[in-house]
Amino acid sequence: MTARPHRTLPRADDMKFFETSARSGQNVTEAFITLATDVKERLLKAGGEPQTGGVNLGQAQKAPGKKGCC
């Protein structure tokens, strides 16, 4: 699949375009961080209150009592 036809839609709707790869992980983190940042900024612009706490996306965290991935 080529990226060209898909690039016109995000521009038309003032959306960002990220070419990502699930296989290699290319740009997946960048796309997620940008999306989360944009959502937060839009909520704050709309009068939302900043919240304390949250998740640090910079470091992987294991759930308490779990070992491995499953």
PDB file of N, CA and C in Angstrom:
ATOM      1  N   MET A   1       0.832  -1.168   0.000  1.00  0.00           N
ATOM      2  CA  MET A   1       0.000   0.000   0.000  1.00  0.00           C
ATOM      3  C   MET A   1       0.883   1.239   0.000  1.00  0.00           C
ATOM      4  N   THR A   2       0.581   2.183  -0.850  1.00  0.00           N
ATOM      5  CA  THR A   2       1.367   3.406  -0.877  1.00  0.00           C
ATOM      6  C   THR A   2       0.754   4.435   0.051  1.00  0.00           C
ATOM      7  N   ALA A   3       1.559   5.367   0.510  1.00  0.00           N
ATOM      8  CA  ALA A   3       1.092   6.359   1.478  1.00  0.00           C
ATOM      9  C   ALA A   3       0.430   7.558   0.813  1.00  0.00           C
ATOM     10  N   ARG A   4       0.692   7.794  -0.439  1.00  0.00           N
ATOM     11  CA  ARG A   4       0.199   9.011  -1.088  1.00  0.00           C
ATOM     12  C   ARG A   4      -1.301   9.242  -0.971  1.00  0.00           C
ATOM     13  N   PRO A   5      -2.164   8.296  -1.325  1.00  0.00           N
ATOM     14  CA  PRO A   5      -3.604   8.592  -1.240  1.00  0.00           C
ATOM     15  C   PRO A   5      -4.064   8.881   0.183  1.00  0.00           C
ATOM     16  N   HIS A   6      -3.390   8.317   1.162  1.00  0.00           N
ATOM     17  CA  HIS A   6      -3.809   8.473   2.557  1.00  0.00           C
ATOM     18  C   HIS A   6      -3.358   9.800   3.155  1.00  0.00           C
ATOM     19  N   ARG A   7      -2.426  10.464   2.536  1.00  0.00           N
ATOM     20  CA  ARG A   7      -1.932  11.731   3.074  1.00  0.00           C
ATOM     21  C   ARG A   7      -2.897  12.881   2.830  1.00  0.00           C
ATOM     22  N   THR A   8      -3.779  12.775   1.868  1.00  0.00           N
ATOM     23  CA  THR A   8      -4.690  13.881   1.579  1.00  0.00           C
ATOM     24  C   THR A   8      -5.798  13.986   2.615  1.00  0.00           C
ATOM     25  N   LEU A   9      -6.261  12.894   3.153  1.00  0.00           N
ATOM     26  CA  LEU A   9      -7.341  12.916   4.138  1.00  0.00           C
ATOM     27  C   LEU A   9      -6.953  13.666   5.414  1.00  0.00           C
ATOM     28  N   PRO A  10      -5.826  13.360   6.050  1.00  0.00           N
ATOM     29  CA  PRO A  10      -5.492  14.106   7.270  1.00  0.00           C
ATOM     30  C   PRO A  10      -5.355  15.614   7.039  1.00  0.00           C
ATOM     31  N   ARG A  11      -4.812  16.022   5.932  1.00  0.00           N
ATOM     32  CA  ARG A  11      -4.674  17.454   5.662  1.00  0.00           C
ATOM     33  C   ARG A  11      -6.037  18.114   5.536  1.00  0.00           C
ATOM     34  N   ALA A  12      -6.964  17.422   4.925  1.00  0.00           N
ATOM     35  CA  ALA A  12      -8.295  17.984   4.713  1.00  0.00           C
ATOM     36  C   ALA A  12      -9.026  18.203   6.042  1.00  0.00           C
ATOM     37  N   ASP A  13      -8.775  17.366   7.019  1.00  0.00           N
ATOM     38  CA  ASP A  13      -9.464  17.450   8.310  1.00  0.00           C
ATOM     39  C   ASP A  13      -8.583  18.009   9.417  1.00  0.00           C
ATOM     40  N   ASP A  14      -7.473  18.664   9.061  1.00  0.00           N
ATOM     41  CA  ASP A  14      -6.538  19.223  10.028  1.00  0.00           C
ATOM     42  C   ASP A  14      -6.058  18.150  11.011  1.00  0.00           C
ATOM     43  N   MET A  15      -5.740  16.990  10.465  1.00  0.00           N
ATOM     44  CA  MET A  15      -5.239  15.882  11.267  1.00  0.00           C
ATOM     45  C   MET A  15      -3.797  15.611  10.869  1.00  0.00           C
ATOM     46  N   LYS A  16      -3.067  14.981  11.753  1.00  0.00           N
ATOM     47  CA  LYS A  16      -1.678  14.641  11.469  1.00  0.00           C
ATOM     48  C   LYS A  16      -1.602  13.262  10.827  1.00  0.00           C
ATOM     49  N   PHE A  17      -0.603  13.082   9.998  1.00  0.00           N
ATOM     50  CA  PHE A  17      -0.392  11.813   9.323  1.00  0.00           C
ATOM     51  C   PHE A  17       0.905  11.197   9.805  1.00  0.00           C
ATOM     52  N   PHE A  18       0.854   9.946  10.215  1.00  0.00           N
ATOM     53  CA  PHE A  18       2.046   9.212  10.615  1.00  0.00           C
ATOM     54  C   PHE A  18       2.097   7.922   9.827  1.00  0.00           C
ATOM     55  N   GLU A  19       3.192   7.700   9.156  1.00  0.00           N
ATOM     56  CA  GLU A  19       3.409   6.422   8.502  1.00  0.00           C
ATOM     57  C   GLU A  19       4.100   5.532   9.518  1.00  0.00           C
ATOM     58  N   THR A  20       3.431   4.467   9.938  1.00  0.00           N
ATOM     59  CA  THR A  20       3.951   3.601  10.991  1.00  0.00           C
ATOM     60  C   THR A  20       4.087   2.169  10.494  1.00  0.00           C
ATOM     61  N   SER A  21       4.812   1.383  11.255  1.00  0.00           N
ATOM     62  CA  SER A  21       4.964  -0.034  10.939  1.00  0.00           C
ATOM     63  C   SER A  21       4.796  -0.844  12.211  1.00  0.00           C
ATOM     64  N   ALA A  22       3.792  -1.713  12.216  1.00  0.00           N
ATOM     65  CA  ALA A  22       3.607  -2.605  13.362  1.00  0.00           C
ATOM     66  C   ALA A  22       4.714  -3.657  13.402  1.00  0.00           C
ATOM     67  N   ARG A  23       5.222  -3.998  12.250  1.00  0.00           N
ATOM     68  CA  ARG A  23       6.268  -5.029  12.182  1.00  0.00           C
ATOM     69  C   ARG A  23       7.564  -4.539  12.820  1.00  0.00           C
ATOM     70  N   SER A  24       8.017  -3.342  12.424  1.00  0.00           N
ATOM     71  CA  SER A  24       9.297  -2.843  12.940  1.00  0.00           C
ATOM     72  C   SER A  24       9.117  -1.897  14.130  1.00  0.00           C
ATOM     73  N   GLY A  25       7.897  -1.420  14.340  1.00  0.00           N
ATOM     74  CA  GLY A  25       7.647  -0.460  15.417  1.00  0.00           C
ATOM     75  C   GLY A  25       7.999   0.967  15.043  1.00  0.00           C
ATOM     76  N   GLN A  26       8.332   1.188  13.774  1.00  0.00           N
ATOM     77  CA  GLN A  26       8.739   2.518  13.321  1.00  0.00           C
ATOM     78  C   GLN A  26       7.608   3.524  13.510  1.00  0.00           C
ATOM     79  N   ASN A  27       7.910   4.606  14.195  1.00  0.00           N
ATOM     80  CA  ASN A  27       7.016   5.747  14.426  1.00  0.00           C
ATOM     81  C   ASN A  27       5.785   5.443  15.274  1.00  0.00           C
ATOM     82  N   VAL A  28       5.666   4.257  15.840  1.00  0.00           N
ATOM     83  CA  VAL A  28       4.498   3.926  16.652  1.00  0.00           C
ATOM     84  C   VAL A  28       4.482   4.761  17.931  1.00  0.00           C
ATOM     85  N   THR A  29       5.609   4.833  18.624  1.00  0.00           N
ATOM     86  CA  THR A  29       5.684   5.613  19.857  1.00  0.00           C
ATOM     87  C   THR A  29       5.456   7.093  19.575  1.00  0.00           C
ATOM     88  N   GLU A  30       6.082   7.605  18.526  1.00  0.00           N
ATOM     89  CA  GLU A  30       5.935   9.020  18.174  1.00  0.00           C
ATOM     90  C   GLU A  30       4.477   9.356  17.865  1.00  0.00           C
ATOM     91  N   ALA A  31       3.799   8.473  17.141  1.00  0.00           N
ATOM     92  CA  ALA A  31       2.396   8.704  16.800  1.00  0.00           C
ATOM     93  C   ALA A  31       1.536   8.725  18.062  1.00  0.00           C
ATOM     94  N   PHE A  32       1.765   7.786  18.963  1.00  0.00           N
ATOM     95  CA  PHE A  32       0.982   7.721  20.194  1.00  0.00           C
ATOM     96  C   PHE A  32       1.210   8.949  21.068  1.00  0.00           C
ATOM     97  N   ILE A  33       2.467   9.331  21.252  1.00  0.00           N
ATOM     98  CA  ILE A  33       2.790  10.489  22.094  1.00  0.00           C
ATOM     99  C   ILE A  33       2.176  11.757  21.512  1.00  0.00           C
ATOM    100  N   THR A  34       2.278  11.924  20.197  1.00  0.00           N
ATOM    101  CA  THR A  34       1.703  13.109  19.557  1.00  0.00           C
ATOM    102  C   THR A  34       0.194  13.130  19.707  1.00  0.00           C
ATOM    103  N   LEU A  35      -0.462  12.001  19.508  1.00  0.00           N
ATOM    104  CA  LEU A  35      -1.908  11.921  19.655  1.00  0.00           C
ATOM    105  C   LEU A  35      -2.327  12.241  21.089  1.00  0.00           C
ATOM    106  N   ALA A  36      -1.651  11.648  22.058  1.00  0.00           N
ATOM    107  CA  ALA A  36      -1.988  11.889  23.462  1.00  0.00           C
ATOM    108  C   ALA A  36      -1.769  13.352  23.839  1.00  0.00           C
ATOM    109  N   THR A  37      -0.691  13.957  23.347  1.00  0.00           N
ATOM    110  CA  THR A  37      -0.414  15.367  23.624  1.00  0.00           C
ATOM    111  C   THR A  37      -1.475  16.256  23.007  1.00  0.00           C
ATOM    112  N   ASP A  38      -1.871  15.968  21.776  1.00  0.00           N
ATOM    113  CA  ASP A  38      -2.910  16.755  21.106  1.00  0.00           C
ATOM    114  C   ASP A  38      -4.245  16.659  21.835  1.00  0.00           C
ATOM    115  N   VAL A  39      -4.599  15.470  22.277  1.00  0.00           N
ATOM    116  CA  VAL A  39      -5.859  15.286  23.008  1.00  0.00           C
ATOM    117  C   VAL A  39      -5.823  16.088  24.298  1.00  0.00           C
ATOM    118  N   LYS A  40      -4.722  16.018  25.018  1.00  0.00           N
ATOM    119  CA  LYS A  40      -4.589  16.762  26.279  1.00  0.00           C
ATOM    120  C   LYS A  40      -4.707  18.263  26.041  1.00  0.00           C
ATOM    121  N   GLU A  41      -4.024  18.772  25.009  1.00  0.00           N
ATOM    122  CA  GLU A  41      -4.082  20.202  24.713  1.00  0.00           C
ATOM    123  C   GLU A  41      -5.491  20.643  24.340  1.00  0.00           C
ATOM    124  N   ARG A  42      -6.192  19.831  23.563  1.00  0.00           N
ATOM    125  CA  ARG A  42      -7.567  20.184  23.177  1.00  0.00           C
ATOM    126  C   ARG A  42      -8.498  20.184  24.379  1.00  0.00           C
ATOM    127  N   LEU A  43      -8.322  19.231  25.282  1.00  0.00           N
ATOM    128  CA  LEU A  43      -9.156  19.187  26.483  1.00  0.00           C
ATOM    129  C   LEU A  43      -8.901  20.402  27.373  1.00  0.00           C
ATOM    130  N   LEU A  44      -7.623  20.786  27.516  1.00  0.00           N
ATOM    131  CA  LEU A  44      -7.298  21.950  28.338  1.00  0.00           C
ATOM    132  C   LEU A  44      -7.826  23.238  27.707  1.00  0.00           C
ATOM    133  N   LYS A  45      -7.764  23.335  26.373  1.00  0.00           N
ATOM    134  CA  LYS A  45      -8.315  24.506  25.680  1.00  0.00           C
ATOM    135  C   LYS A  45      -9.813  24.623  25.885  1.00  0.00           C
ATOM    136  N   ALA A  46     -10.486  23.476  25.982  1.00  0.00           N
ATOM    137  CA  ALA A  46     -11.935  23.457  26.142  1.00  0.00           C
ATOM    138  C   ALA A  46     -12.351  23.715  27.591  1.00  0.00           C
ATOM    139  N   GLY A  47     -11.396  23.989  28.459  1.00  0.00           N
ATOM    140  CA  GLY A  47     -11.729  24.309  29.843  1.00  0.00           C
ATOM    141  C   GLY A  47     -11.536  23.162  30.809  1.00  0.00           C
ATOM    142  N   GLY A  48     -10.905  22.112  30.384  1.00  0.00           N
ATOM    143  CA  GLY A  48     -10.652  20.978  31.277  1.00  0.00           C
ATOM    144  C   GLY A  48      -9.584  21.326  32.292  1.00  0.00           C
ATOM    145  N   GLU A  49      -9.596  20.640  33.387  1.00  0.00           N
ATOM    146  CA  GLU A  49      -8.625  20.854  34.456  1.00  0.00           C
ATOM    147  C   GLU A  49      -7.470  19.863  34.305  1.00  0.00           C
ATOM    148  N   PRO A  50      -6.228  20.317  34.479  1.00  0.00           N
ATOM    149  CA  PRO A  50      -5.118  19.361  34.466  1.00  0.00           C
ATOM    150  C   PRO A  50      -5.242  18.411  35.651  1.00  0.00           C
ATOM    151  N   GLN A  51      -4.891  17.156  35.442  1.00  0.00           N
ATOM    152  CA  GLN A  51      -5.008  16.158  36.500  1.00  0.00           C
ATOM    153  C   GLN A  51      -3.625  15.773  36.992  1.00  0.00           C
ATOM    154  N   THR A  52      -3.560  15.432  38.275  1.00  0.00           N
ATOM    155  CA  THR A  52      -2.296  14.967  38.833  1.00  0.00           C
ATOM    156  C   THR A  52      -2.221  13.465  38.673  1.00  0.00           C
ATOM    157  N   GLY A  53      -1.050  12.912  38.840  1.00  0.00           N
ATOM    158  CA  GLY A  53      -0.874  11.473  38.689  1.00  0.00           C
ATOM    159  C   GLY A  53      -0.648  11.143  37.230  1.00  0.00           C
ATOM    160  N   GLY A  54      -0.975   9.952  36.845  1.00  0.00           N
ATOM    161  CA  GLY A  54      -0.837   9.551  35.454  1.00  0.00           C
ATOM    162  C   GLY A  54       0.171   8.433  35.294  1.00  0.00           C
ATOM    163  N   VAL A  55       0.577   8.246  34.058  1.00  0.00           N
ATOM    164  CA  VAL A  55       1.488   7.169  33.714  1.00  0.00           C
ATOM    165  C   VAL A  55       2.711   7.766  33.058  1.00  0.00           C
ATOM    166  N   ASN A  56       3.887   7.306  33.452  1.00  0.00           N
ATOM    167  CA  ASN A  56       5.121   7.733  32.831  1.00  0.00           C
ATOM    168  C   ASN A  56       5.355   6.855  31.610  1.00  0.00           C
ATOM    169  N   LEU A  57       5.219   7.421  30.414  1.00  0.00           N
ATOM    170  CA  LEU A  57       5.365   6.649  29.193  1.00  0.00           C
ATOM    171  C   LEU A  57       6.820   6.386  28.839  1.00  0.00           C
ATOM    172  N   GLY A  58       7.734   7.000  29.565  1.00  0.00           N
ATOM    173  CA  GLY A  58       9.146   6.839  29.274  1.00  0.00           C
ATOM    174  C   GLY A  58       9.736   5.550  29.824  1.00  0.00           C
ATOM    175  N   GLN A  59       9.066   4.918  30.766  1.00  0.00           N
ATOM    176  CA  GLN A  59       9.608   3.714  31.392  1.00  0.00           C
ATOM    177  C   GLN A  59       8.542   2.625  31.432  1.00  0.00           C
ATOM    178  N   ALA A  60       8.932   1.422  31.063  1.00  0.00           N
ATOM    179  CA  ALA A  60       8.005   0.294  31.141  1.00  0.00           C
ATOM    180  C   ALA A  60       7.789  -0.071  32.600  1.00  0.00           C
ATOM    181  N   GLN A  61       6.552  -0.356  32.944  1.00  0.00           N
ATOM    182  CA  GLN A  61       6.230  -0.735  34.321  1.00  0.00           C
ATOM    183  C   GLN A  61       5.519  -2.069  34.317  1.00  0.00           C
ATOM    184  N   LYS A  62       5.884  -2.926  35.256  1.00  0.00           N
ATOM    185  CA  LYS A  62       5.224  -4.219  35.381  1.00  0.00           C
ATOM    186  C   LYS A  62       4.071  -4.101  36.362  1.00  0.00           C
ATOM    187  N   ALA A  63       3.018  -4.831  36.098  1.00  0.00           N
ATOM    188  CA  ALA A  63       1.894  -4.874  37.025  1.00  0.00           C
ATOM    189  C   ALA A  63       2.313  -5.654  38.265  1.00  0.00           C
ATOM    190  N   PRO A  64       1.883  -5.208  39.446  1.00  0.00           N
ATOM    191  CA  PRO A  64       2.268  -5.918  40.673  1.00  0.00           C
ATOM    192  C   PRO A  64       1.755  -7.358  40.644  1.00  0.00           C
ATOM    193  N   GLY A  65       2.615  -8.275  41.005  1.00  0.00           N
ATOM    194  CA  GLY A  65       2.219  -9.679  41.097  1.00  0.00           C
ATOM    195  C   GLY A  65       2.242 -10.427  39.779  1.00  0.00           C
ATOM    196  N   LYS A  66       2.600  -9.771  38.694  1.00  0.00           N
ATOM    197  CA  LYS A  66       2.652 -10.446  37.398  1.00  0.00           C
ATOM    198  C   LYS A  66       4.091 -10.714  37.007  1.00  0.00           C
ATOM    199  N   LYS A  67       4.305 -11.823  36.363  1.00  0.00           N
ATOM    200  CA  LYS A  67       5.640 -12.159  35.853  1.00  0.00           C
ATOM    201  C   LYS A  67       5.532 -12.373  34.354  1.00  0.00           C
ATOM    202  N   GLY A  68       6.437 -11.795  33.612  1.00  0.00           N
ATOM    203  CA  GLY A  68       6.446 -11.985  32.164  1.00  0.00           C
ATOM    204  C   GLY A  68       5.330 -11.225  31.489  1.00  0.00           C
ATOM    205  N   CYS A  69       4.949 -11.677  30.323  1.00  0.00           N
ATOM    206  CA  CYS A  69       3.961 -10.956  29.538  1.00  0.00           C
ATOM    207  C   CYS A  69       2.546 -11.463  29.750  1.00  0.00           C
ATOM    208  N   CYS A  70       2.364 -12.644  30.336  1.00  0.00           N
ATOM    209  CA  CYS A  70       1.009 -13.219  30.389  1.00  0.00           C
ATOM    210  C   CYS A  70       0.582 -13.532  31.805  1.00  0.00           C
TER     211      CYS A  70
END
